[in-house]
């Protein structure tokens, strides 16, 4: 494993509230991160996402739209 997060390419529709739906496993991991850090779930999710992008930890691959 090279330590990167792999995401298939896919166009998504943004909603006005910035709401996302998580799998139960992802929610458990997010709640654990929030509890350990003392941040709110929203703050923890935002920090995880922005740091992953800023530190080039996401590798984008071919997805449904590219096939």
N, C-alpha and C. Protein backbone atom coordinates (compact mmCIF):
# COMPACT_ATOMS: atom_id res chain seq x y z
N UNK A 1 0.85 -1.18 0.00
CA UNK A 1 0.00 0.00 0.00
C UNK A 1 0.89 1.24 0.00
N UNK A 2 0.55 2.22 -0.79
CA UNK A 2 1.38 3.42 -0.89
C UNK A 2 0.87 4.55 -0.02
N UNK A 3 -0.15 4.31 0.83
CA UNK A 3 -0.64 5.34 1.73
C UNK A 3 -1.61 6.32 1.11
N UNK A 4 -2.00 6.08 -0.14
CA UNK A 4 -2.93 7.00 -0.81
C UNK A 4 -4.36 6.47 -0.71
N UNK A 5 -5.31 7.37 -0.88
CA UNK A 5 -6.72 7.05 -0.90
C UNK A 5 -7.14 6.98 -2.36
N UNK A 6 -7.70 5.87 -2.81
CA UNK A 6 -8.09 5.71 -4.20
C UNK A 6 -9.58 5.99 -4.37
N UNK A 7 -9.91 6.89 -5.28
CA UNK A 7 -11.30 7.25 -5.58
C UNK A 7 -11.54 7.13 -7.08
N UNK A 8 -12.61 6.43 -7.48
CA UNK A 8 -12.94 6.41 -8.90
C UNK A 8 -13.51 7.76 -9.31
N UNK A 9 -13.30 8.13 -10.56
CA UNK A 9 -13.86 9.39 -11.05
C UNK A 9 -15.34 9.23 -11.30
N UNK A 10 -16.06 10.22 -10.86
CA UNK A 10 -17.50 10.24 -11.06
C UNK A 10 -18.00 11.64 -10.81
N UNK A 11 -18.86 12.12 -11.67
CA UNK A 11 -19.44 13.45 -11.45
C UNK A 11 -20.50 13.33 -10.37
N UNK A 12 -20.52 14.32 -9.48
CA UNK A 12 -21.52 14.31 -8.42
C UNK A 12 -22.30 15.61 -8.46
N UNK A 13 -23.48 15.55 -7.95
CA UNK A 13 -24.30 16.76 -7.84
C UNK A 13 -24.11 17.33 -6.45
N UNK A 14 -23.78 18.59 -6.37
CA UNK A 14 -23.63 19.24 -5.07
C UNK A 14 -24.98 19.69 -4.57
N UNK A 15 -25.14 19.60 -3.26
CA UNK A 15 -26.37 20.15 -2.69
C UNK A 15 -26.02 21.45 -1.97
N UNK A 16 -27.00 22.23 -1.68
CA UNK A 16 -26.76 23.56 -1.12
C UNK A 16 -26.27 23.54 0.32
N UNK A 17 -26.50 22.43 1.03
CA UNK A 17 -26.11 22.37 2.43
C UNK A 17 -24.75 21.72 2.65
N UNK A 18 -24.19 21.10 1.63
CA UNK A 18 -22.93 20.41 1.80
C UNK A 18 -23.07 19.10 2.56
N UNK A 19 -24.26 18.53 2.55
CA UNK A 19 -24.55 17.30 3.28
C UNK A 19 -24.08 16.09 2.49
N UNK A 20 -23.48 15.12 3.18
CA UNK A 20 -23.08 13.87 2.55
C UNK A 20 -23.65 12.71 3.34
N UNK A 21 -23.81 11.58 2.69
CA UNK A 21 -24.27 10.37 3.36
C UNK A 21 -23.06 9.44 3.50
N UNK A 22 -22.87 8.91 4.70
CA UNK A 22 -21.74 8.04 4.97
C UNK A 22 -22.19 6.61 5.19
N UNK A 23 -21.30 5.68 4.91
CA UNK A 23 -21.56 4.29 5.28
C UNK A 23 -21.46 4.19 6.80
N UNK A 24 -22.05 3.18 7.39
CA UNK A 24 -21.93 3.03 8.85
C UNK A 24 -20.47 2.94 9.31
N UNK A 25 -19.63 2.27 8.53
CA UNK A 25 -18.21 2.14 8.89
C UNK A 25 -17.51 3.48 8.86
N UNK A 26 -17.81 4.29 7.84
CA UNK A 26 -17.20 5.61 7.73
C UNK A 26 -17.68 6.51 8.88
N UNK A 27 -18.95 6.41 9.23
CA UNK A 27 -19.48 7.22 10.33
C UNK A 27 -18.82 6.84 11.65
N UNK A 28 -18.64 5.54 11.88
CA UNK A 28 -17.96 5.09 13.10
C UNK A 28 -16.54 5.65 13.17
N UNK A 29 -15.82 5.60 12.04
CA UNK A 29 -14.45 6.11 12.01
C UNK A 29 -14.43 7.62 12.23
N UNK A 30 -15.38 8.32 11.66
CA UNK A 30 -15.45 9.77 11.81
C UNK A 30 -15.78 10.16 13.25
N UNK A 31 -16.73 9.46 13.85
CA UNK A 31 -17.09 9.74 15.24
C UNK A 31 -15.89 9.47 16.15
N UNK A 32 -15.18 8.39 15.90
CA UNK A 32 -13.99 8.08 16.70
C UNK A 32 -12.94 9.19 16.56
N UNK A 33 -12.71 9.66 15.33
CA UNK A 33 -11.75 10.75 15.12
C UNK A 33 -12.18 12.02 15.83
N UNK A 34 -13.47 12.31 15.77
CA UNK A 34 -13.99 13.52 16.43
C UNK A 34 -13.85 13.41 17.94
N UNK A 35 -14.19 12.25 18.49
CA UNK A 35 -14.09 12.07 19.94
C UNK A 35 -12.65 12.15 20.41
N UNK A 36 -11.74 11.51 19.68
CA UNK A 36 -10.32 11.53 20.06
C UNK A 36 -9.71 12.92 19.97
N UNK A 37 -10.16 13.70 18.99
CA UNK A 37 -9.58 15.02 18.77
C UNK A 37 -10.27 16.12 19.57
N UNK A 38 -11.49 15.86 20.01
CA UNK A 38 -12.25 16.90 20.70
C UNK A 38 -12.93 17.86 19.74
N UNK A 39 -12.88 17.56 18.45
CA UNK A 39 -13.54 18.40 17.44
C UNK A 39 -14.97 17.93 17.23
N UNK A 40 -15.77 18.77 16.62
CA UNK A 40 -17.11 18.34 16.22
C UNK A 40 -16.94 17.39 15.02
N UNK A 41 -17.99 16.62 14.74
CA UNK A 41 -17.95 15.72 13.58
C UNK A 41 -17.74 16.53 12.30
N UNK A 42 -18.40 17.67 12.21
CA UNK A 42 -18.25 18.53 11.02
C UNK A 42 -16.80 19.01 10.88
N UNK A 43 -16.21 19.48 11.98
CA UNK A 43 -14.83 19.96 11.94
C UNK A 43 -13.86 18.83 11.59
N UNK A 44 -14.06 17.66 12.19
CA UNK A 44 -13.17 16.53 11.91
C UNK A 44 -13.26 16.12 10.44
N UNK A 45 -14.47 16.01 9.91
CA UNK A 45 -14.65 15.62 8.50
C UNK A 45 -13.99 16.65 7.58
N UNK A 46 -14.21 17.92 7.86
CA UNK A 46 -13.62 18.98 7.03
C UNK A 46 -12.10 18.92 7.06
N UNK A 47 -11.52 18.73 8.24
CA UNK A 47 -10.06 18.67 8.35
C UNK A 47 -9.49 17.44 7.64
N UNK A 48 -10.15 16.29 7.79
CA UNK A 48 -9.68 15.08 7.13
C UNK A 48 -9.69 15.25 5.62
N UNK A 49 -10.78 15.79 5.10
CA UNK A 49 -10.90 15.96 3.65
C UNK A 49 -9.89 16.98 3.13
N UNK A 50 -9.80 18.15 3.76
CA UNK A 50 -8.90 19.18 3.25
C UNK A 50 -7.43 18.76 3.38
N UNK A 51 -7.07 18.09 4.47
CA UNK A 51 -5.69 17.64 4.61
C UNK A 51 -5.35 16.54 3.61
N UNK A 52 -6.30 15.65 3.33
CA UNK A 52 -6.05 14.61 2.34
C UNK A 52 -5.80 15.22 0.96
N UNK A 53 -6.57 16.24 0.62
CA UNK A 53 -6.38 16.91 -0.68
C UNK A 53 -5.07 17.70 -0.69
N UNK A 54 -4.83 18.50 0.34
CA UNK A 54 -3.63 19.34 0.39
C UNK A 54 -2.33 18.53 0.40
N UNK A 55 -2.38 17.35 1.02
CA UNK A 55 -1.18 16.52 1.12
C UNK A 55 -1.11 15.47 0.02
N UNK A 56 -1.94 15.65 -1.01
CA UNK A 56 -1.92 14.78 -2.18
C UNK A 56 -2.06 13.30 -1.80
N UNK A 57 -3.00 13.01 -0.90
CA UNK A 57 -3.21 11.65 -0.45
C UNK A 57 -4.31 10.93 -1.21
N UNK A 58 -4.90 11.61 -2.20
CA UNK A 58 -5.98 11.00 -2.97
C UNK A 58 -5.51 10.75 -4.39
N UNK A 59 -5.70 9.54 -4.86
CA UNK A 59 -5.38 9.17 -6.23
C UNK A 59 -6.70 8.94 -6.95
N UNK A 60 -6.92 9.70 -8.01
CA UNK A 60 -8.16 9.59 -8.76
C UNK A 60 -7.98 8.60 -9.89
N UNK A 61 -8.92 7.69 -10.06
CA UNK A 61 -8.81 6.68 -11.10
C UNK A 61 -9.98 6.72 -12.04
N UNK A 62 -9.95 5.82 -12.98
CA UNK A 62 -11.04 5.72 -13.94
C UNK A 62 -12.30 5.25 -13.23
N UNK A 63 -13.40 5.82 -13.63
CA UNK A 63 -14.67 5.44 -13.02
C UNK A 63 -15.72 5.27 -14.07
N UNK A 64 -16.97 5.32 -13.65
CA UNK A 64 -18.08 5.09 -14.55
C UNK A 64 -18.10 6.05 -15.72
N UNK A 65 -17.77 7.33 -15.49
CA UNK A 65 -17.83 8.33 -16.55
C UNK A 65 -16.68 8.21 -17.56
N UNK A 66 -15.60 7.52 -17.18
CA UNK A 66 -14.43 7.42 -18.03
C UNK A 66 -14.42 6.13 -18.86
N UNK A 67 -15.38 5.27 -18.63
CA UNK A 67 -15.37 3.97 -19.34
C UNK A 67 -16.10 4.03 -20.64
